Amino acid sequence: MRSDWRIDHLRMTVESRVPTVFIVSAGAAEMRLPLAPDKPATFDLPTSGVHDFSSYAYLLSARSTEGFTEHLRIPSRRTTATWAC
């Protein structure tokens, strides 16, 4: 991500339809969050980025231990991801 200002942390809300561990990092510390099905979890993710001539750059990495492609299991459902910071 890029920002004109330094970002201290990102407030994230994540949810899964299956039990999983959500693993995420934004340059500072990796966080591992166990998720229960259909129970949103909100947390603050610490960030660390680099500054260039005019902005800050951050690398956001996210994955889950039990990832799946839901539309292959239930074709009527579309899998979408929503990020809000």
PDB file of N, CA and C in Angstrom:
ATOM      1  N   MET A   1       0.842  -1.135   0.000  1.00  0.00           N
ATOM      2  CA  MET A   1       0.000   0.000   0.000  1.00  0.00           C
ATOM      3  C   MET A   1       0.912   1.230   0.000  1.00  0.00           C
ATOM      4  N   ARG A   2       0.368   2.362  -0.426  1.00  0.00           N
ATOM      5  CA  ARG A   2       1.089   3.641  -0.364  1.00  0.00           C
ATOM      6  C   ARG A   2       0.240   4.649   0.403  1.00  0.00           C
ATOM      7  N   SER A   3       0.932   5.531   1.095  1.00  0.00           N
ATOM      8  CA  SER A   3       0.250   6.572   1.858  1.00  0.00           C
ATOM      9  C   SER A   3       1.129   7.817   1.894  1.00  0.00           C
ATOM     10  N   ASP A   4       0.498   8.965   1.868  1.00  0.00           N
ATOM     11  CA  ASP A   4       1.241  10.221   2.016  1.00  0.00           C
ATOM     12  C   ASP A   4       1.733  10.410   3.444  1.00  0.00           C
ATOM     13  N   TRP A   5       1.110   9.707   4.380  1.00  0.00           N
ATOM     14  CA  TRP A   5       1.453   9.827   5.791  1.00  0.00           C
ATOM     15  C   TRP A   5       1.919   8.488   6.337  1.00  0.00           C
ATOM     16  N   ARG A   6       2.716   8.534   7.395  1.00  0.00           N
ATOM     17  CA  ARG A   6       3.155   7.317   8.064  1.00  0.00           C
ATOM     18  C   ARG A   6       1.951   6.666   8.744  1.00  0.00           C
ATOM     19  N   ILE A   7       1.828   5.358   8.588  1.00  0.00           N
ATOM     20  CA  ILE A   7       0.725   4.600   9.193  1.00  0.00           C
ATOM     21  C   ILE A   7       1.283   3.811  10.371  1.00  0.00           C
ATOM     22  N   ASP A   8       0.684   3.977  11.539  1.00  0.00           N
ATOM     23  CA  ASP A   8       1.108   3.259  12.744  1.00  0.00           C
ATOM     24  C   ASP A   8       0.538   1.845  12.789  1.00  0.00           C
ATOM     25  N   HIS A   9      -0.734   1.704  12.390  1.00  0.00           N
ATOM     26  CA  HIS A   9      -1.390   0.395  12.418  1.00  0.00           C
ATOM     27  C   HIS A   9      -2.603   0.420  11.490  1.00  0.00           C
ATOM     28  N   LEU A  10      -3.090  -0.748  11.174  1.00  0.00           N
ATOM     29  CA  LEU A  10      -4.324  -0.903  10.411  1.00  0.00           C
ATOM     30  C   LEU A  10      -5.337  -1.590  11.303  1.00  0.00           C
ATOM     31  N   ARG A  11      -6.534  -1.081  11.359  1.00  0.00           N
ATOM     32  CA  ARG A  11      -7.614  -1.778  12.052  1.00  0.00           C
ATOM     33  C   ARG A  11      -8.293  -2.669  11.019  1.00  0.00           C
ATOM     34  N   MET A  12      -8.309  -3.967  11.288  1.00  0.00           N
ATOM     35  CA  MET A  12      -8.846  -4.926  10.330  1.00  0.00           C
ATOM     36  C   MET A  12      -9.987  -5.726  10.950  1.00  0.00           C
ATOM     37  N   THR A  13     -10.945  -6.074  10.122  1.00  0.00           N
ATOM     38  CA  THR A  13     -12.006  -7.001  10.503  1.00  0.00           C
ATOM     39  C   THR A  13     -11.987  -8.127   9.480  1.00  0.00           C
ATOM     40  N   VAL A  14     -11.857  -9.353   9.964  1.00  0.00           N
ATOM     41  CA  VAL A  14     -11.800 -10.520   9.076  1.00  0.00           C
ATOM     42  C   VAL A  14     -12.839 -11.542   9.514  1.00  0.00           C
ATOM     43  N   GLU A  15     -13.243 -12.386   8.563  1.00  0.00           N
ATOM     44  CA  GLU A  15     -14.259 -13.392   8.832  1.00  0.00           C
ATOM     45  C   GLU A  15     -14.026 -14.566   7.891  1.00  0.00           C
ATOM     46  N   SER A  16     -14.381 -15.755   8.328  1.00  0.00           N
ATOM     47  CA  SER A  16     -14.242 -16.952   7.513  1.00  0.00           C
ATOM     48  C   SER A  16     -15.474 -17.814   7.677  1.00  0.00           C
ATOM     49  N   ARG A  17     -15.779 -18.587   6.662  1.00  0.00           N
ATOM     50  CA  ARG A  17     -16.904 -19.522   6.771  1.00  0.00           C
ATOM     51  C   ARG A  17     -16.460 -20.884   7.282  1.00  0.00           C
ATOM     52  N   VAL A  18     -15.142 -21.081   7.434  1.00  0.00           N
ATOM     53  CA  VAL A  18     -14.605 -22.340   7.959  1.00  0.00           C
ATOM     54  C   VAL A  18     -13.640 -22.011   9.094  1.00  0.00           C
ATOM     55  N   PRO A  19     -13.415 -22.939  10.041  1.00  0.00           N
ATOM     56  CA  PRO A  19     -12.415 -22.694  11.075  1.00  0.00           C
ATOM     57  C   PRO A  19     -11.034 -22.574  10.421  1.00  0.00           C
ATOM     58  N   THR A  20     -10.284 -21.561  10.772  1.00  0.00           N
ATOM     59  CA  THR A  20      -8.975 -21.343  10.178  1.00  0.00           C
ATOM     60  C   THR A  20      -8.134 -20.445  11.070  1.00  0.00           C
ATOM     61  N   VAL A  21      -6.875 -20.332  10.749  1.00  0.00           N
ATOM     62  CA  VAL A  21      -6.003 -19.346  11.393  1.00  0.00           C
ATOM     63  C   VAL A  21      -5.639 -18.333  10.315  1.00  0.00           C
ATOM     64  N   PHE A  22      -5.969 -17.076  10.545  1.00  0.00           N
ATOM     65  CA  PHE A  22      -5.665 -15.982   9.626  1.00  0.00           C
ATOM     66  C   PHE A  22      -4.289 -15.444   9.997  1.00  0.00           C
ATOM     67  N   ILE A  23      -3.388 -15.396   9.029  1.00  0.00           N
ATOM     68  CA  ILE A  23      -2.013 -14.958   9.250  1.00  0.00           C
ATOM     69  C   ILE A  23      -1.788 -13.701   8.417  1.00  0.00           C
ATOM     70  N   VAL A  24      -1.377 -12.620   9.082  1.00  0.00           N
ATOM     71  CA  VAL A  24      -1.259 -11.344   8.372  1.00  0.00           C
ATOM     72  C   VAL A  24      -0.062 -10.552   8.898  1.00  0.00           C
ATOM     73  N   SER A  25       0.537  -9.776   8.011  1.00  0.00           N
ATOM     74  CA  SER A  25       1.662  -8.924   8.371  1.00  0.00           C
ATOM     75  C   SER A  25       1.625  -7.675   7.507  1.00  0.00           C
ATOM     76  N   ALA A  26       2.095  -6.566   8.066  1.00  0.00           N
ATOM     77  CA  ALA A  26       2.224  -5.319   7.308  1.00  0.00           C
ATOM     78  C   ALA A  26       3.586  -4.698   7.605  1.00  0.00           C
ATOM     79  N   GLY A  27       4.601  -5.527   7.682  1.00  0.00           N
ATOM     80  CA  GLY A  27       5.962  -5.047   7.851  1.00  0.00           C
ATOM     81  C   GLY A  27       6.490  -5.030   9.272  1.00  0.00           C
ATOM     82  N   ALA A  28       5.623  -4.997  10.259  1.00  0.00           N
ATOM     83  CA  ALA A  28       6.083  -4.950  11.656  1.00  0.00           C
ATOM     84  C   ALA A  28       6.128  -6.376  12.210  1.00  0.00           C
ATOM     85  N   ALA A  29       5.048  -6.831  12.784  1.00  0.00           N
ATOM     86  CA  ALA A  29       4.992  -8.169  13.375  1.00  0.00           C
ATOM     87  C   ALA A  29       3.914  -8.991  12.683  1.00  0.00           C
ATOM     88  N   GLU A  30       4.182 -10.292  12.512  1.00  0.00           N
ATOM     89  CA  GLU A  30       3.170 -11.187  11.967  1.00  0.00           C
ATOM     90  C   GLU A  30       2.156 -11.497  13.064  1.00  0.00           C
ATOM     91  N   MET A  31       0.880 -11.485  12.713  1.00  0.00           N
ATOM     92  CA  MET A  31      -0.175 -11.841  13.662  1.00  0.00           C
ATOM     93  C   MET A  31      -0.866 -13.096  13.168  1.00  0.00           C
ATOM     94  N   ARG A  32      -1.229 -13.969  14.112  1.00  0.00           N
ATOM     95  CA  ARG A  32      -1.970 -15.198  13.817  1.00  0.00           C
ATOM     96  C   ARG A  32      -3.253 -15.162  14.641  1.00  0.00           C
ATOM     97  N   LEU A  33      -4.383 -15.162  13.965  1.00  0.00           N
ATOM     98  CA  LEU A  33      -5.680 -15.071  14.623  1.00  0.00           C
ATOM     99  C   LEU A  33      -6.513 -16.309  14.335  1.00  0.00           C
ATOM    100  N   PRO A  34      -6.843 -17.114  15.344  1.00  0.00           N
ATOM    101  CA  PRO A  34      -7.766 -18.229  15.107  1.00  0.00           C
ATOM    102  C   PRO A  34      -9.163 -17.665  14.836  1.00  0.00           C
ATOM    103  N   LEU A  35      -9.807 -18.146  13.774  1.00  0.00           N
ATOM    104  CA  LEU A  35     -11.147 -17.679  13.429  1.00  0.00           C
ATOM    105  C   LEU A  35     -12.136 -18.824  13.524  1.00  0.00           C
ATOM    106  N   ALA A  36     -13.269 -18.556  14.138  1.00  0.00           N
ATOM    107  CA  ALA A  36     -14.382 -19.506  14.178  1.00  0.00           C
ATOM    108  C   ALA A  36     -15.307 -19.170  13.005  1.00  0.00           C
ATOM    109  N   PRO A  37     -16.006 -20.159  12.481  1.00  0.00           N
ATOM    110  CA  PRO A  37     -16.885 -19.910  11.334  1.00  0.00           C
ATOM    111  C   PRO A  37     -17.905 -18.800  11.600  1.00  0.00           C
ATOM    112  N   ASP A  38     -18.008 -17.884  10.641  1.00  0.00           N
ATOM    113  CA  ASP A  38     -19.009 -16.808  10.639  1.00  0.00           C
ATOM    114  C   ASP A  38     -18.975 -15.904  11.871  1.00  0.00           C
ATOM    115  N   LYS A  39     -17.792 -15.777  12.502  1.00  0.00           N
ATOM    116  CA  LYS A  39     -17.631 -14.880  13.653  1.00  0.00           C
ATOM    117  C   LYS A  39     -16.533 -13.865  13.321  1.00  0.00           C
ATOM    118  N   PRO A  40     -16.921 -12.635  12.964  1.00  0.00           N
ATOM    119  CA  PRO A  40     -15.920 -11.627  12.608  1.00  0.00           C
ATOM    120  C   PRO A  40     -14.976 -11.332  13.777  1.00  0.00           C
ATOM    121  N   ALA A  41     -13.732 -11.052  13.451  1.00  0.00           N
ATOM    122  CA  ALA A  41     -12.729 -10.672  14.457  1.00  0.00           C
ATOM    123  C   ALA A  41     -12.111  -9.346  14.026  1.00  0.00           C
ATOM    124  N   THR A  42     -12.028  -8.400  14.962  1.00  0.00           N
ATOM    125  CA  THR A  42     -11.438  -7.089  14.685  1.00  0.00           C
ATOM    126  C   THR A  42     -10.180  -6.940  15.525  1.00  0.00           C
ATOM    127  N   PHE A  43      -9.118  -6.417  14.904  1.00  0.00           N
ATOM    128  CA  PHE A  43      -7.841  -6.266  15.602  1.00  0.00           C
ATOM    129  C   PHE A  43      -7.040  -5.148  14.953  1.00  0.00           C
ATOM    130  N   ASP A  44      -6.021  -4.663  15.668  1.00  0.00           N
ATOM    131  CA  ASP A  44      -5.101  -3.663  15.147  1.00  0.00           C
ATOM    132  C   ASP A  44      -3.812  -4.351  14.720  1.00  0.00           C
ATOM    133  N   LEU A  45      -3.416  -4.139  13.480  1.00  0.00           N
ATOM    134  CA  LEU A  45      -2.214  -4.736  12.926  1.00  0.00           C
ATOM    135  C   LEU A  45      -1.107  -3.675  12.866  1.00  0.00           C
ATOM    136  N   PRO A  46      -0.003  -3.864  13.615  1.00  0.00           N
ATOM    137  CA  PRO A  46       1.088  -2.888  13.566  1.00  0.00           C
ATOM    138  C   PRO A  46       1.739  -2.888  12.184  1.00  0.00           C
ATOM    139  N   THR A  47       2.176  -1.708  11.739  1.00  0.00           N
ATOM    140  CA  THR A  47       2.779  -1.579  10.416  1.00  0.00           C
ATOM    141  C   THR A  47       4.196  -1.021  10.517  1.00  0.00           C
ATOM    142  N   SER A  48       4.969  -1.287   9.479  1.00  0.00           N
ATOM    143  CA  SER A  48       6.285  -0.685   9.323  1.00  0.00           C
ATOM    144  C   SER A  48       6.522  -0.574   7.828  1.00  0.00           C
ATOM    145  N   GLY A  49       6.818   0.633   7.377  1.00  0.00           N
ATOM    146  CA  GLY A  49       7.006   0.856   5.948  1.00  0.00           C
ATOM    147  C   GLY A  49       8.283   1.625   5.673  1.00  0.00           C
ATOM    148  N   VAL A  50       8.486   1.924   4.422  1.00  0.00           N
ATOM    149  CA  VAL A  50       9.647   2.708   4.012  1.00  0.00           C
ATOM    150  C   VAL A  50       9.179   4.003   3.372  1.00  0.00           C
ATOM    151  N   HIS A  51       9.966   5.044   3.550  1.00  0.00           N
ATOM    152  CA  HIS A  51       9.625   6.348   3.003  1.00  0.00           C
ATOM    153  C   HIS A  51      10.496   6.616   1.784  1.00  0.00           C
ATOM    154  N   ASP A  52       9.866   7.036   0.686  1.00  0.00           N
ATOM    155  CA  ASP A  52      10.648   7.451  -0.474  1.00  0.00           C
ATOM    156  C   ASP A  52      10.536   8.965  -0.613  1.00  0.00           C
ATOM    157  N   PHE A  53      10.644   9.490  -1.792  1.00  0.00           N
ATOM    158  CA  PHE A  53      10.646  10.939  -1.984  1.00  0.00           C
ATOM    159  C   PHE A  53       9.338  11.612  -1.596  1.00  0.00           C
ATOM    160  N   SER A  54       8.216  10.910  -1.787  1.00  0.00           N
ATOM    161  CA  SER A  54       6.943  11.601  -1.571  1.00  0.00           C
ATOM    162  C   SER A  54       5.900  10.810  -0.786  1.00  0.00           C
ATOM    163  N   SER A  55       6.173   9.541  -0.457  1.00  0.00           N
ATOM    164  CA  SER A  55       5.149   8.759   0.239  1.00  0.00           C
ATOM    165  C   SER A  55       5.791   7.601   1.001  1.00  0.00           C
ATOM    166  N   TYR A  56       4.947   6.887   1.731  1.00  0.00           N
ATOM    167  CA  TYR A  56       5.366   5.699   2.461  1.00  0.00           C
ATOM    168  C   TYR A  56       4.834   4.467   1.732  1.00  0.00           C
ATOM    169  N   ALA A  57       5.622   3.386   1.731  1.00  0.00           N
ATOM    170  CA  ALA A  57       5.200   2.133   1.099  1.00  0.00           C
ATOM    171  C   ALA A  57       5.149   1.038   2.164  1.00  0.00           C
ATOM    172  N   TYR A  58       4.098   0.223   2.109  1.00  0.00           N
ATOM    173  CA  TYR A  58       3.885  -0.869   3.050  1.00  0.00           C
ATOM    174  C   TYR A  58       3.558  -2.137   2.279  1.00  0.00           C
ATOM    175  N   LEU A  59       4.073  -3.267   2.744  1.00  0.00           N
ATOM    176  CA  LEU A  59       3.761  -4.556   2.132  1.00  0.00           C
ATOM    177  C   LEU A  59       2.780  -5.287   3.049  1.00  0.00           C
ATOM    178  N   LEU A  60       1.586  -5.532   2.550  1.00  0.00           N
ATOM    179  CA  LEU A  60       0.565  -6.253   3.301  1.00  0.00           C
ATOM    180  C   LEU A  60       0.499  -7.685   2.788  1.00  0.00           C
ATOM    181  N   SER A  61       0.662  -8.646   3.696  1.00  0.00           N
ATOM    182  CA  SER A  61       0.623 -10.056   3.340  1.00  0.00           C
ATOM    183  C   SER A  61      -0.435 -10.735   4.197  1.00  0.00           C
ATOM    184  N   ALA A  62      -1.328 -11.519   3.569  1.00  0.00           N
ATOM    185  CA  ALA A  62      -2.387 -12.199   4.317  1.00  0.00           C
ATOM    186  C   ALA A  62      -2.626 -13.580   3.722  1.00  0.00           C
ATOM    187  N   ARG A  63      -2.856 -14.557   4.604  1.00  0.00           N
ATOM    188  CA  ARG A  63      -3.178 -15.910   4.168  1.00  0.00           C
ATOM    189  C   ARG A  63      -3.933 -16.615   5.303  1.00  0.00           C
ATOM    190  N   SER A  64      -4.435 -17.811   5.017  1.00  0.00           N
ATOM    191  CA  SER A  64      -5.098 -18.599   6.057  1.00  0.00           C
ATOM    192  C   SER A  64      -4.636 -20.050   5.960  1.00  0.00           C
ATOM    193  N   THR A  65      -4.699 -20.752   7.080  1.00  0.00           N
ATOM    194  CA  THR A  65      -4.227 -22.139   7.112  1.00  0.00           C
ATOM    195  C   THR A  65      -5.187 -23.086   6.409  1.00  0.00           C
ATOM    196  N   GLU A  66      -6.453 -22.758   6.396  1.00  0.00           N
ATOM    197  CA  GLU A  66      -7.464 -23.644   5.803  1.00  0.00           C
ATOM    198  C   GLU A  66      -8.142 -22.962   4.626  1.00  0.00           C
ATOM    199  N   GLY A  67      -7.368 -22.255   3.832  1.00  0.00           N
ATOM    200  CA  GLY A  67      -7.932 -21.538   2.689  1.00  0.00           C
ATOM    201  C   GLY A  67      -8.609 -22.499   1.714  1.00  0.00           C
ATOM    202  N   PHE A  68      -9.633 -22.018   1.031  1.00  0.00           N
ATOM    203  CA  PHE A  68     -10.353 -22.818   0.057  1.00  0.00           C
ATOM    204  C   PHE A  68     -11.016 -21.879  -0.937  1.00  0.00           C
ATOM    205  N   THR A  69     -11.431 -22.439  -2.040  1.00  0.00           N
ATOM    206  CA  THR A  69     -12.160 -21.670  -3.042  1.00  0.00           C
ATOM    207  C   THR A  69     -13.613 -22.080  -2.947  1.00  0.00           C
ATOM    208  N   GLU A  70     -14.383 -21.255  -2.269  1.00  0.00           N
ATOM    209  CA  GLU A  70     -15.754 -21.625  -1.927  1.00  0.00           C
ATOM    210  C   GLU A  70     -16.636 -21.862  -3.149  1.00  0.00           C
ATOM    211  N   HIS A  71     -16.445 -21.106  -4.206  1.00  0.00           N
ATOM    212  CA  HIS A  71     -17.341 -21.281  -5.356  1.00  0.00           C
ATOM    213  C   HIS A  71     -17.176 -22.666  -6.008  1.00  0.00           C
ATOM    214  N   LEU A  72     -16.084 -23.380  -5.707  1.00  0.00           N
ATOM    215  CA  LEU A  72     -15.950 -24.742  -6.213  1.00  0.00           C
ATOM    216  C   LEU A  72     -16.786 -25.720  -5.392  1.00  0.00           C
ATOM    217  N   ARG A  73     -16.979 -25.420  -4.109  1.00  0.00           N
ATOM    218  CA  ARG A  73     -17.815 -26.267  -3.240  1.00  0.00           C
ATOM    219  C   ARG A  73     -19.282 -25.958  -3.427  1.00  0.00           C
ATOM    220  N   ILE A  74     -19.616 -24.657  -3.477  1.00  0.00           N
ATOM    221  CA  ILE A  74     -21.006 -24.203  -3.582  1.00  0.00           C
ATOM    222  C   ILE A  74     -21.058 -23.219  -4.758  1.00  0.00           C
ATOM    223  N   PRO A  75     -21.347 -23.692  -5.975  1.00  0.00           N
ATOM    224  CA  PRO A  75     -21.259 -22.838  -7.158  1.00  0.00           C
ATOM    225  C   PRO A  75     -22.119 -21.572  -7.120  1.00  0.00           C
ATOM    226  N   SER A  76     -23.199 -21.572  -6.342  1.00  0.00           N
ATOM    227  CA  SER A  76     -24.064 -20.389  -6.308  1.00  0.00           C
ATOM    228  C   SER A  76     -23.445 -19.233  -5.529  1.00  0.00           C
ATOM    229  N   ARG A  77     -22.418 -19.497  -4.729  1.00  0.00           N
ATOM    230  CA  ARG A  77     -21.776 -18.452  -3.926  1.00  0.00           C
ATOM    231  C   ARG A  77     -20.569 -17.875  -4.658  1.00  0.00           C
ATOM    232  N   ARG A  78     -20.425 -16.603  -4.554  1.00  0.00           N
ATOM    233  CA  ARG A  78     -19.246 -15.935  -5.091  1.00  0.00           C
ATOM    234  C   ARG A  78     -18.354 -15.574  -3.916  1.00  0.00           C
ATOM    235  N   THR A  79     -17.071 -15.830  -4.028  1.00  0.00           N
ATOM    236  CA  THR A  79     -16.121 -15.482  -2.975  1.00  0.00           C
ATOM    237  C   THR A  79     -15.635 -14.066  -3.207  1.00  0.00           C
ATOM    238  N   THR A  80     -15.766 -13.218  -2.183  1.00  0.00           N
ATOM    239  CA  THR A  80     -15.283 -11.845  -2.300  1.00  0.00           C
ATOM    240  C   THR A  80     -14.468 -11.508  -1.075  1.00  0.00           C
ATOM    241  N   ALA A  81     -13.605 -10.563  -1.226  1.00  0.00           N
ATOM    242  CA  ALA A  81     -12.807 -10.067  -0.096  1.00  0.00           C
ATOM    243  C   ALA A  81     -13.061  -8.582   0.043  1.00  0.00           C
ATOM    244  N   THR A  82     -13.247  -8.132   1.257  1.00  0.00           N
ATOM    245  CA  THR A  82     -13.464  -6.720   1.518  1.00  0.00           C
ATOM    246  C   THR A  82     -12.425  -6.256   2.509  1.00  0.00           C
ATOM    247  N   TRP A  83     -11.709  -5.188   2.170  1.00  0.00           N
ATOM    248  CA  TRP A  83     -10.693  -4.617   3.052  1.00  0.00           C
ATOM    249  C   TRP A  83     -11.124  -3.212   3.409  1.00  0.00           C
ATOM    250  N   ALA A  84     -11.089  -2.915   4.676  1.00  0.00           N
ATOM    251  CA  ALA A  84     -11.399  -1.558   5.120  1.00  0.00           C
ATOM    252  C   ALA A  84     -10.333  -1.132   6.112  1.00  0.00           C
ATOM    253  N   CYS A  85      -9.766   0.014   5.894  1.00  0.00           N
ATOM    254  CA  CYS A  85      -8.727   0.526   6.792  1.00  0.00           C
ATOM    255  C   CYS A  85      -9.156   1.860   7.336  1.00  0.00           C
TER     256      CYS A  85
END
